[in-house]
Amino acid sequence: MTENLDDAIRQNAKGPAKVTGDAGSVEQHALSEQVAADRYLASKEAAGKTKRGLRFNKLVPPGVN
């Protein structure tokens, strides 16, 4: 999924933002909106994982109260 989105962002960044022709006009989402969407989808995917990337544990040696 992320590969397709990365490819779409790269392709949209190479092309023009707005095109006007005889048949009509086409306008793409702004690059900042595409990056925000990519960040949102990445955070949504990361939140769904059962294991977190960083875990804090307090180690207490035996015999210490």
PDB file of N, CA and C in Angstrom:
ATOM      1  N   MET A   1       0.819  -1.183   0.000  1.00  0.00           N
ATOM      2  CA  MET A   1       0.000   0.000   0.000  1.00  0.00           C
ATOM      3  C   MET A   1       0.864   1.247   0.000  1.00  0.00           C
ATOM      4  N   THR A   2       1.880   1.292   0.834  1.00  0.00           N
ATOM      5  CA  THR A   2       2.705   2.488   0.905  1.00  0.00           C
ATOM      6  C   THR A   2       3.531   2.670  -0.358  1.00  0.00           C
ATOM      7  N   GLU A   3       3.918   1.571  -1.013  1.00  0.00           N
ATOM      8  CA  GLU A   3       4.671   1.691  -2.254  1.00  0.00           C
ATOM      9  C   GLU A   3       3.823   2.369  -3.328  1.00  0.00           C
ATOM     10  N   ASN A   4       2.546   2.010  -3.415  1.00  0.00           N
ATOM     11  CA  ASN A   4       1.666   2.634  -4.388  1.00  0.00           C
ATOM     12  C   ASN A   4       1.491   4.113  -4.092  1.00  0.00           C
ATOM     13  N   LEU A   5       1.347   4.460  -2.824  1.00  0.00           N
ATOM     14  CA  LEU A   5       1.173   5.855  -2.443  1.00  0.00           C
ATOM     15  C   LEU A   5       2.450   6.636  -2.686  1.00  0.00           C
ATOM     16  N   ASP A   6       3.600   6.043  -2.378  1.00  0.00           N
ATOM     17  CA  ASP A   6       4.879   6.704  -2.650  1.00  0.00           C
ATOM     18  C   ASP A   6       5.047   6.949  -4.139  1.00  0.00           C
ATOM     19  N   ASP A   7       4.700   5.954  -4.949  1.00  0.00           N
ATOM     20  CA  ASP A   7       4.798   6.116  -6.402  1.00  0.00           C
ATOM     21  C   ASP A   7       3.853   7.205  -6.903  1.00  0.00           C
ATOM     22  N   ALA A   8       2.656   7.256  -6.337  1.00  0.00           N
ATOM     23  CA  ALA A   8       1.687   8.276  -6.747  1.00  0.00           C
ATOM     24  C   ALA A   8       2.181   9.672  -6.383  1.00  0.00           C
ATOM     25  N   ILE A   9       2.765   9.826  -5.201  1.00  0.00           N
ATOM     26  CA  ILE A   9       3.285  11.133  -4.795  1.00  0.00           C
ATOM     27  C   ILE A   9       4.439  11.537  -5.700  1.00  0.00           C
ATOM     28  N   ARG A  10       5.334  10.598  -6.005  1.00  0.00           N
ATOM     29  CA  ARG A  10       6.459  10.905  -6.901  1.00  0.00           C
ATOM     30  C   ARG A  10       5.956  11.306  -8.292  1.00  0.00           C
ATOM     31  N   GLN A  11       4.980  10.571  -8.807  1.00  0.00           N
ATOM     32  CA  GLN A  11       4.442  10.852 -10.137  1.00  0.00           C
ATOM     33  C   GLN A  11       3.742  12.205 -10.162  1.00  0.00           C
ATOM     34  N   ASN A  12       2.970  12.523  -9.123  1.00  0.00           N
ATOM     35  CA  ASN A  12       2.274  13.803  -9.066  1.00  0.00           C
ATOM     36  C   ASN A  12       3.245  14.964  -8.899  1.00  0.00           C
ATOM     37  N   ALA A  13       4.348  14.745  -8.208  1.00  0.00           N
ATOM     38  CA  ALA A  13       5.339  15.802  -8.033  1.00  0.00           C
ATOM     39  C   ALA A  13       6.039  16.120  -9.351  1.00  0.00           C
ATOM     40  N   LYS A  14       6.178  15.120 -10.228  1.00  0.00           N
ATOM     41  CA  LYS A  14       6.817  15.343 -11.522  1.00  0.00           C
ATOM     42  C   LYS A  14       5.904  16.089 -12.488  1.00  0.00           C
ATOM     43  N   GLY A  15       4.603  15.888 -12.373  1.00  0.00           N
ATOM     44  CA  GLY A  15       3.655  16.479 -13.309  1.00  0.00           C
ATOM     45  C   GLY A  15       3.217  17.870 -12.897  1.00  0.00           C
ATOM     46  N   PRO A  16       2.456  18.524 -13.756  1.00  0.00           N
ATOM     47  CA  PRO A  16       1.957  19.874 -13.449  1.00  0.00           C
ATOM     48  C   PRO A  16       0.838  19.827 -12.413  1.00  0.00           C
ATOM     49  N   ALA A  17       0.661  20.933 -11.694  1.00  0.00           N
ATOM     50  CA  ALA A  17      -0.384  21.000 -10.676  1.00  0.00           C
ATOM     51  C   ALA A  17      -1.761  21.207 -11.303  1.00  0.00           C
ATOM     52  N   LYS A  18      -1.809  21.950 -12.424  1.00  0.00           N
ATOM     53  CA  LYS A  18      -3.094  22.236 -13.059  1.00  0.00           C
ATOM     54  C   LYS A  18      -2.920  22.194 -14.569  1.00  0.00           C
ATOM     55  N   VAL A  19      -3.863  21.559 -15.253  1.00  0.00           N
ATOM     56  CA  VAL A  19      -3.820  21.443 -16.705  1.00  0.00           C
ATOM     57  C   VAL A  19      -5.151  21.912 -17.264  1.00  0.00           C
ATOM     58  N   THR A  20      -5.089  22.756 -18.287  1.00  0.00           N
ATOM     59  CA  THR A  20      -6.300  23.236 -18.939  1.00  0.00           C
ATOM     60  C   THR A  20      -6.200  22.901 -20.425  1.00  0.00           C
ATOM     61  N   GLY A  21      -7.274  22.354 -20.951  1.00  0.00           N
ATOM     62  CA  GLY A  21      -7.303  21.998 -22.368  1.00  0.00           C
ATOM     63  C   GLY A  21      -8.672  22.277 -22.951  1.00  0.00           C
ATOM     64  N   ASP A  22      -8.890  21.824 -24.185  1.00  0.00           N
ATOM     65  CA  ASP A  22     -10.172  22.032 -24.852  1.00  0.00           C
ATOM     66  C   ASP A  22     -11.298  21.287 -24.154  1.00  0.00           C
ATOM     67  N   ALA A  23     -10.997  20.121 -23.603  1.00  0.00           N
ATOM     68  CA  ALA A  23     -12.021  19.289 -22.971  1.00  0.00           C
ATOM     69  C   ALA A  23     -12.342  19.752 -21.551  1.00  0.00           C
ATOM     70  N   GLY A  24     -11.484  20.558 -20.955  1.00  0.00           N
ATOM     71  CA  GLY A  24     -11.728  21.011 -19.591  1.00  0.00           C
ATOM     72  C   GLY A  24     -10.419  21.199 -18.853  1.00  0.00           C
ATOM     73  N   SER A  25     -10.515  21.264 -17.548  1.00  0.00           N
ATOM     74  CA  SER A  25      -9.307  21.455 -16.752  1.00  0.00           C
ATOM     75  C   SER A  25      -9.234  20.396 -15.665  1.00  0.00           C
ATOM     76  N   VAL A  26      -8.003  20.089 -15.270  1.00  0.00           N
ATOM     77  CA  VAL A  26      -7.748  19.092 -14.233  1.00  0.00           C
ATOM     78  C   VAL A  26      -6.783  19.704 -13.235  1.00  0.00           C
ATOM     79  N   GLU A  27      -7.078  19.516 -11.961  1.00  0.00           N
ATOM     80  CA  GLU A  27      -6.203  20.034 -10.912  1.00  0.00           C
ATOM     81  C   GLU A  27      -5.954  18.927  -9.898  1.00  0.00           C
ATOM     82  N   GLN A  28      -4.675  18.776  -9.484  1.00  0.00           N
ATOM     83  CA  GLN A  28      -4.312  17.749  -8.514  1.00  0.00           C
ATOM     84  C   GLN A  28      -4.323  18.351  -7.115  1.00  0.00           C
ATOM     85  N   HIS A  29      -4.335  17.459  -6.129  1.00  0.00           N
ATOM     86  CA  HIS A  29      -4.183  17.902  -4.755  1.00  0.00           C
ATOM     87  C   HIS A  29      -2.786  18.484  -4.579  1.00  0.00           C
ATOM     88  N   ALA A  30      -2.681  19.436  -3.676  1.00  0.00           N
ATOM     89  CA  ALA A  30      -1.381  20.036  -3.403  1.00  0.00           C
ATOM     90  C   ALA A  30      -0.436  18.992  -2.818  1.00  0.00           C
ATOM     91  N   LEU A  31       0.848  19.181  -3.048  1.00  0.00           N
ATOM     92  CA  LEU A  31       1.844  18.229  -2.555  1.00  0.00           C
ATOM     93  C   LEU A  31       1.806  18.149  -1.031  1.00  0.00           C
ATOM     94  N   SER A  32       1.557  19.268  -0.365  1.00  0.00           N
ATOM     95  CA  SER A  32       1.477  19.253   1.103  1.00  0.00           C
ATOM     96  C   SER A  32       0.307  18.399   1.581  1.00  0.00           C
ATOM     97  N   GLU A  33      -0.809  18.416   0.842  1.00  0.00           N
ATOM     98  CA  GLU A  33      -1.950  17.565   1.195  1.00  0.00           C
ATOM     99  C   GLU A  33      -1.627  16.096   0.976  1.00  0.00           C
ATOM    100  N   GLN A  34      -0.866  15.786  -0.066  1.00  0.00           N
ATOM    101  CA  GLN A  34      -0.484  14.405  -0.334  1.00  0.00           C
ATOM    102  C   GLN A  34       0.455  13.885   0.745  1.00  0.00           C
ATOM    103  N   VAL A  35       1.387  14.724   1.188  1.00  0.00           N
ATOM    104  CA  VAL A  35       2.306  14.329   2.253  1.00  0.00           C
ATOM    105  C   VAL A  35       1.542  14.133   3.560  1.00  0.00           C
ATOM    106  N   ALA A  36       0.583  15.011   3.839  1.00  0.00           N
ATOM    107  CA  ALA A  36      -0.230  14.871   5.049  1.00  0.00           C
ATOM    108  C   ALA A  36      -1.038  13.572   5.005  1.00  0.00           C
ATOM    109  N   ALA A  37      -1.559  13.232   3.850  1.00  0.00           N
ATOM    110  CA  ALA A  37      -2.314  11.979   3.712  1.00  0.00           C
ATOM    111  C   ALA A  37      -1.405  10.780   3.921  1.00  0.00           C
ATOM    112  N   ASP A  38      -0.179  10.856   3.398  1.00  0.00           N
ATOM    113  CA  ASP A  38       0.780   9.766   3.583  1.00  0.00           C
ATOM    114  C   ASP A  38       1.128   9.600   5.056  1.00  0.00           C
ATOM    115  N   ARG A  39       1.341  10.698   5.759  1.00  0.00           N
ATOM    116  CA  ARG A  39       1.643  10.629   7.197  1.00  0.00           C
ATOM    117  C   ARG A  39       0.467  10.055   7.977  1.00  0.00           C
ATOM    118  N   TYR A  40      -0.745  10.456   7.619  1.00  0.00           N
ATOM    119  CA  TYR A  40      -1.933   9.951   8.301  1.00  0.00           C
ATOM    120  C   TYR A  40      -2.063   8.441   8.113  1.00  0.00           C
ATOM    121  N   LEU A  41      -1.893   7.975   6.876  1.00  0.00           N
ATOM    122  CA  LEU A  41      -2.024   6.542   6.618  1.00  0.00           C
ATOM    123  C   LEU A  41      -0.911   5.751   7.299  1.00  0.00           C
ATOM    124  N   ALA A  42       0.299   6.307   7.343  1.00  0.00           N
ATOM    125  CA  ALA A  42       1.407   5.620   8.018  1.00  0.00           C
ATOM    126  C   ALA A  42       1.156   5.541   9.522  1.00  0.00           C
ATOM    127  N   SER A  43       0.637   6.610  10.113  1.00  0.00           N
ATOM    128  CA  SER A  43       0.361   6.572  11.550  1.00  0.00           C
ATOM    129  C   SER A  43      -0.802   5.645  11.862  1.00  0.00           C
ATOM    130  N   LYS A  44      -1.769   5.582  10.981  1.00  0.00           N
ATOM    131  CA  LYS A  44      -2.905   4.676  11.172  1.00  0.00           C
ATOM    132  C   LYS A  44      -2.441   3.219  11.112  1.00  0.00           C
ATOM    133  N   GLU A  45      -1.541   2.930  10.183  1.00  0.00           N
ATOM    134  CA  GLU A  45      -0.999   1.573  10.066  1.00  0.00           C
ATOM    135  C   GLU A  45      -0.135   1.226  11.276  1.00  0.00           C
ATOM    136  N   ALA A  46       0.660   2.178  11.749  1.00  0.00           N
ATOM    137  CA  ALA A  46       1.530   1.930  12.899  1.00  0.00           C
ATOM    138  C   ALA A  46       0.709   1.737  14.173  1.00  0.00           C
ATOM    139  N   ALA A  47      -0.392   2.443  14.314  1.00  0.00           N
ATOM    140  CA  ALA A  47      -1.222   2.312  15.502  1.00  0.00           C
ATOM    141  C   ALA A  47      -1.926   0.961  15.551  1.00  0.00           C
ATOM    142  N   GLY A  48      -2.138   0.357  14.406  1.00  0.00           N
ATOM    143  CA  GLY A  48      -2.821  -0.930  14.355  1.00  0.00           C
ATOM    144  C   GLY A  48      -1.929  -2.109  14.677  1.00  0.00           C
ATOM    145  N   LYS A  49      -0.628  -1.891  14.720  1.00  0.00           N
ATOM    146  CA  LYS A  49       0.290  -2.985  15.020  1.00  0.00           C
ATOM    147  C   LYS A  49       0.254  -3.300  16.512  1.00  0.00           C
ATOM    148  N   THR A  50       0.430  -4.582  16.827  1.00  0.00           N
ATOM    149  CA  THR A  50       0.366  -4.989  18.228  1.00  0.00           C
ATOM    150  C   THR A  50       1.647  -4.654  18.976  1.00  0.00           C
ATOM    151  N   LYS A  51       2.772  -4.673  18.286  1.00  0.00           N
ATOM    152  CA  LYS A  51       4.041  -4.356  18.937  1.00  0.00           C
ATOM    153  C   LYS A  51       4.402  -2.906  18.667  1.00  0.00           C
ATOM    154  N   ARG A  52       4.805  -2.227  19.692  1.00  0.00           N
ATOM    155  CA  ARG A  52       5.230  -0.843  19.555  1.00  0.00           C
ATOM    156  C   ARG A  52       6.734  -0.817  19.299  1.00  0.00           C
ATOM    157  N   GLY A  53       7.233   0.248  18.746  1.00  0.00           N
ATOM    158  CA  GLY A  53       8.632   0.357  18.423  1.00  0.00           C
ATOM    159  C   GLY A  53       9.511   0.618  19.634  1.00  0.00           C
ATOM    160  N   LEU A  54       8.952   1.188  20.675  1.00  0.00           N
ATOM    161  CA  LEU A  54       9.731   1.552  21.847  1.00  0.00           C
ATOM    162  C   LEU A  54       8.967   1.109  23.087  1.00  0.00           C
ATOM    163  N   ARG A  55       9.642   0.438  23.987  1.00  0.00           N
ATOM    164  CA  ARG A  55       8.996  -0.061  25.195  1.00  0.00           C
ATOM    165  C   ARG A  55       9.874   0.277  26.388  1.00  0.00           C
ATOM    166  N   PHE A  56       9.268   0.812  27.437  1.00  0.00           N
ATOM    167  CA  PHE A  56       9.977   1.141  28.662  1.00  0.00           C
ATOM    168  C   PHE A  56       9.631   0.121  29.735  1.00  0.00           C
ATOM    169  N   ASN A  57      10.645  -0.429  30.380  1.00  0.00           N
ATOM    170  CA  ASN A  57      10.459  -1.367  31.470  1.00  0.00           C
ATOM    171  C   ASN A  57      11.319  -0.927  32.637  1.00  0.00           C
ATOM    172  N   LYS A  58      10.791  -1.091  33.815  1.00  0.00           N
ATOM    173  CA  LYS A  58      11.554  -0.778  35.016  1.00  0.00           C
ATOM    174  C   LYS A  58      12.097  -2.088  35.576  1.00  0.00           C
ATOM    175  N   LEU A  59      13.410  -2.193  35.633  1.00  0.00           N
ATOM    176  CA  LEU A  59      14.039  -3.413  36.138  1.00  0.00           C
ATOM    177  C   LEU A  59      14.352  -3.246  37.623  1.00  0.00           C
ATOM    178  N   VAL A  60      13.862  -4.185  38.420  1.00  0.00           N
ATOM    179  CA  VAL A  60      14.085  -4.168  39.860  1.00  0.00           C
ATOM    180  C   VAL A  60      14.810  -5.469  40.224  1.00  0.00           C
ATOM    181  N   PRO A  61      16.028  -5.373  40.736  1.00  0.00           N
ATOM    182  CA  PRO A  61      16.737  -6.591  41.109  1.00  0.00           C
ATOM    183  C   PRO A  61      16.062  -7.258  42.312  1.00  0.00           C
ATOM    184  N   PRO A  62      16.178  -8.584  42.430  1.00  0.00           N
ATOM    185  CA  PRO A  62      15.542  -9.288  43.545  1.00  0.00           C
ATOM    186  C   PRO A  62      16.164  -8.863  44.883  1.00  0.00           C
ATOM    187  N   GLY A  63      15.333  -8.798  45.919  1.00  0.00           N
ATOM    188  CA  GLY A  63      15.788  -8.449  47.269  1.00  0.00           C
ATOM    189  C   GLY A  63      15.718  -6.962  47.556  1.00  0.00           C
ATOM    190  N   VAL A  64      15.343  -6.140  46.576  1.00  0.00           N
ATOM    191  CA  VAL A  64      15.227  -4.684  46.785  1.00  0.00           C
ATOM    192  C   VAL A  64      13.751  -4.373  47.017  1.00  0.00           C
ATOM    193  N   ASN A  65      13.478  -3.636  48.084  1.00  0.00           N
ATOM    194  CA  ASN A  65      12.079  -3.300  48.383  1.00  0.00           C
ATOM    195  C   ASN A  65      11.659  -2.041  47.739  1.00  0.00           C
TER     196      ASN A  65
END
